[in-house]
Amino acid sequence: MLEIIFKSLFAILAIIGAVEIIRLILFRILKTDNPGKFMLLVSFSGHDEKAEYSLRSAMERARWMSDDVQVVCMDRGMDYDTRQVCEMVCADNPEIILCTPDEFQKFWMN
């Protein structure tokens, strides 16, 4: 019985590995010289208890996607506590930018 479980687990992991290799090959084939600029935008308004978790999750997602992904934390009227948390996370991780919609439009939509 234990042998069947290990063989099944090995087969599942082999399939996942094969799919990942195919994905990497396809991404390499489809890569262009100018892929554009990727941004991962996380928007907050009001009070959000999971602001720190959301920003750290977005940062990790950006690292997995590519080296050129910019994480932007958008302040769309967040309260004082949420703003403090976002500022703290942005201070710990300088690759995350905290801005308002007007600042975003001014600097990145040119």
C-alpha atoms as a PDB file:
ATOM      1  CA  MET A   1       0.000   0.000   0.000  1.00  0.00           C
ATOM      2  CA  LEU A   2       2.796   2.385   0.934  1.00  0.00           C
ATOM      3  CA  GLU A   3       4.525   1.647  -2.368  1.00  0.00           C
ATOM      4  CA  ILE A   4       1.428   2.751  -4.312  1.00  0.00           C
ATOM      5  CA  ILE A   5       1.258   6.015  -2.371  1.00  0.00           C
ATOM      6  CA  PHE A   6       4.932   6.801  -3.093  1.00  0.00           C
ATOM      7  CA  LYS A   7       4.551   5.938  -6.775  1.00  0.00           C
ATOM      8  CA  SER A   8       1.476   8.160  -7.021  1.00  0.00           C
ATOM      9  CA  LEU A   9       3.270  11.006  -5.265  1.00  0.00           C
ATOM     10  CA  PHE A  10       6.272  10.591  -7.580  1.00  0.00           C
ATOM     11  CA  ALA A  11       3.995  10.637 -10.650  1.00  0.00           C
ATOM     12  CA  ILE A  12       2.240  13.811  -9.490  1.00  0.00           C
ATOM     13  CA  LEU A  13       5.540  15.585  -8.792  1.00  0.00           C
ATOM     14  CA  ALA A  14       6.920  14.435 -12.167  1.00  0.00           C
ATOM     15  CA  ILE A  15       3.881  15.890 -13.953  1.00  0.00           C
ATOM     16  CA  ILE A  16       4.200  19.191 -12.078  1.00  0.00           C
ATOM     17  CA  GLY A  17       7.916  19.343 -12.940  1.00  0.00           C
ATOM     18  CA  ALA A  18       7.249  18.632 -16.618  1.00  0.00           C
ATOM     19  CA  VAL A  19       4.591  21.337 -16.779  1.00  0.00           C
ATOM     20  CA  GLU A  20       6.976  23.826 -15.144  1.00  0.00           C
ATOM     21  CA  ILE A  21       9.734  23.012 -17.634  1.00  0.00           C
ATOM     22  CA  ILE A  22       7.304  23.473 -20.538  1.00  0.00           C
ATOM     23  CA  ARG A  23       6.191  26.814 -19.057  1.00  0.00           C
ATOM     24  CA  LEU A  24       9.792  28.019 -18.747  1.00  0.00           C
ATOM     25  CA  ILE A  25      10.554  26.999 -22.338  1.00  0.00           C
ATOM     26  CA  LEU A  26       7.459  28.784 -23.638  1.00  0.00           C
ATOM     27  CA  PHE A  27       8.282  31.935 -21.685  1.00  0.00           C
ATOM     28  CA  ARG A  28      11.811  31.881 -23.105  1.00  0.00           C
ATOM     29  CA  ILE A  29      10.514  31.432 -26.666  1.00  0.00           C
ATOM     30  CA  LEU A  30       7.887  34.170 -26.329  1.00  0.00           C
ATOM     31  CA  LYS A  31      10.243  36.691 -24.686  1.00  0.00           C
ATOM     32  CA  THR A  32      10.733  39.862 -26.719  1.00  0.00           C
ATOM     33  CA  ASP A  33      13.461  42.504 -26.669  1.00  0.00           C
ATOM     34  CA  ASN A  34      11.034  45.114 -25.352  1.00  0.00           C
ATOM     35  CA  PRO A  35       8.418  43.469 -23.149  1.00  0.00           C
ATOM     36  CA  GLY A  36       7.228  46.822 -21.777  1.00  0.00           C
ATOM     37  CA  LYS A  37       6.993  47.772 -18.141  1.00  0.00           C
ATOM     38  CA  PHE A  38       5.078  45.520 -15.791  1.00  0.00           C
ATOM     39  CA  MET A  39       3.416  46.959 -12.706  1.00  0.00           C
ATOM     40  CA  LEU A  40       1.589  45.153  -9.975  1.00  0.00           C
ATOM     41  CA  LEU A  41      -0.863  47.620  -8.475  1.00  0.00           C
ATOM     42  CA  VAL A  42      -2.300  47.073  -5.002  1.00  0.00           C
ATOM     43  CA  SER A  43      -5.015  49.568  -4.137  1.00  0.00           C
ATOM     44  CA  PHE A  44      -6.311  50.376  -0.645  1.00  0.00           C
ATOM     45  CA  SER A  45      -9.171  52.551   0.537  1.00  0.00           C
ATOM     46  CA  GLY A  46     -10.557  52.941   4.021  1.00  0.00           C
ATOM     47  CA  HIS A  47      -9.340  50.537   6.695  1.00  0.00           C
ATOM     48  CA  ASP A  48      -7.707  47.283   5.625  1.00  0.00           C
ATOM     49  CA  GLU A  49      -6.529  44.799   8.241  1.00  0.00           C
ATOM     50  CA  LYS A  50      -4.622  42.764   5.645  1.00  0.00           C
ATOM     51  CA  ALA A  51      -2.675  45.617   4.044  1.00  0.00           C
ATOM     52  CA  GLU A  52       0.737  44.342   5.125  1.00  0.00           C
ATOM     53  CA  TYR A  53      -0.058  40.808   3.999  1.00  0.00           C
ATOM     54  CA  SER A  54      -1.328  42.073   0.632  1.00  0.00           C
ATOM     55  CA  LEU A  55       1.787  44.152  -0.020  1.00  0.00           C
ATOM     56  CA  ARG A  56       4.200  41.410   0.973  1.00  0.00           C
ATOM     57  CA  SER A  57       2.253  38.929  -1.134  1.00  0.00           C
ATOM     58  CA  ALA A  58       2.373  41.290  -4.120  1.00  0.00           C
ATOM     59  CA  MET A  59       6.105  41.733  -3.645  1.00  0.00           C
ATOM     60  CA  GLU A  60       6.665  37.966  -3.682  1.00  0.00           C
ATOM     61  CA  ARG A  61       4.417  37.575  -6.721  1.00  0.00           C
ATOM     62  CA  ALA A  62       6.426  40.248  -8.530  1.00  0.00           C
ATOM     63  CA  ARG A  63       9.683  38.439  -7.709  1.00  0.00           C
ATOM     64  CA  TRP A  64       8.321  35.220  -9.171  1.00  0.00           C
ATOM     65  CA  MET A  65       7.013  36.917 -12.316  1.00  0.00           C
ATOM     66  CA  SER A  66      10.142  38.749 -13.420  1.00  0.00           C
ATOM     67  CA  ASP A  67      12.904  41.053 -12.296  1.00  0.00           C
ATOM     68  CA  ASP A  68      11.310  44.047 -14.006  1.00  0.00           C
ATOM     69  CA  VAL A  69       7.970  44.126 -12.170  1.00  0.00           C
ATOM     70  CA  GLN A  70       7.283  47.280 -10.153  1.00  0.00           C
ATOM     71  CA  VAL A  71       4.934  46.960  -7.151  1.00  0.00           C
ATOM     72  CA  VAL A  72       2.826  50.072  -6.595  1.00  0.00           C
ATOM     73  CA  CYS A  73       0.744  50.660  -3.455  1.00  0.00           C
ATOM     74  CA  MET A  74      -2.123  52.999  -4.369  1.00  0.00           C
ATOM     75  CA  ASP A  75      -3.594  55.206  -1.641  1.00  0.00           C
ATOM     76  CA  ARG A  76      -7.224  55.675  -2.640  1.00  0.00           C
ATOM     77  CA  GLY A  77      -8.328  57.184   0.652  1.00  0.00           C
ATOM     78  CA  MET A  78      -6.931  54.759   3.195  1.00  0.00           C
ATOM     79  CA  ASP A  79      -7.222  55.600   6.864  1.00  0.00           C
ATOM     80  CA  TYR A  80      -4.323  56.643   9.094  1.00  0.00           C
ATOM     81  CA  ASP A  81      -3.580  53.156  10.487  1.00  0.00           C
ATOM     82  CA  THR A  82      -3.528  51.526   7.068  1.00  0.00           C
ATOM     83  CA  ARG A  83      -1.338  54.320   5.718  1.00  0.00           C
ATOM     84  CA  GLN A  84       1.138  53.798   8.580  1.00  0.00           C
ATOM     85  CA  VAL A  85       1.307  50.065   7.850  1.00  0.00           C
ATOM     86  CA  CYS A  86       1.855  50.718   4.125  1.00  0.00           C
ATOM     87  CA  GLU A  87       4.576  53.279   4.851  1.00  0.00           C
ATOM     88  CA  MET A  88       6.291  50.796   7.172  1.00  0.00           C
ATOM     89  CA  VAL A  89       6.240  48.032   4.537  1.00  0.00           C
ATOM     90  CA  CYS A  90       7.455  50.460   1.845  1.00  0.00           C
ATOM     91  CA  ALA A  91      10.294  51.598   4.123  1.00  0.00           C
ATOM     92  CA  ASP A  92      11.374  47.975   4.626  1.00  0.00           C
ATOM     93  CA  ASN A  93      11.072  47.259   0.889  1.00  0.00           C
ATOM     94  CA  PRO A  94      12.207  50.193  -1.266  1.00  0.00           C
ATOM     95  CA  GLU A  95      11.060  48.387  -4.414  1.00  0.00           C
ATOM     96  CA  ILE A  96       7.433  49.101  -3.396  1.00  0.00           C
ATOM     97  CA  ILE A  97       6.221  52.591  -4.260  1.00  0.00           C
ATOM     98  CA  LEU A  98       3.438  54.282  -2.284  1.00  0.00           C
ATOM     99  CA  CYS A  99       1.473  56.905  -4.188  1.00  0.00           C
ATOM    100  CA  THR A 100      -1.924  58.472  -4.788  1.00  0.00           C
ATOM    101  CA  PRO A 101      -3.825  58.140  -8.080  1.00  0.00           C
ATOM    102  CA  ASP A 102      -2.740  61.658  -9.097  1.00  0.00           C
ATOM    103  CA  GLU A 103       0.933  60.886  -8.431  1.00  0.00           C
ATOM    104  CA  PHE A 104       0.628  57.629 -10.320  1.00  0.00           C
ATOM    105  CA  GLN A 105      -0.872  59.328 -13.341  1.00  0.00           C
ATOM    106  CA  LYS A 106       1.702  62.120 -13.232  1.00  0.00           C
ATOM    107  CA  PHE A 107       4.781  59.866 -13.095  1.00  0.00           C
ATOM    108  CA  TRP A 108       3.846  56.644 -14.878  1.00  0.00           C
ATOM    109  CA  MET A 109       1.219  57.476 -17.448  1.00  0.00           C
ATOM    110  CA  ASN A 110       3.393  59.881 -19.478  1.00  0.00           C
END
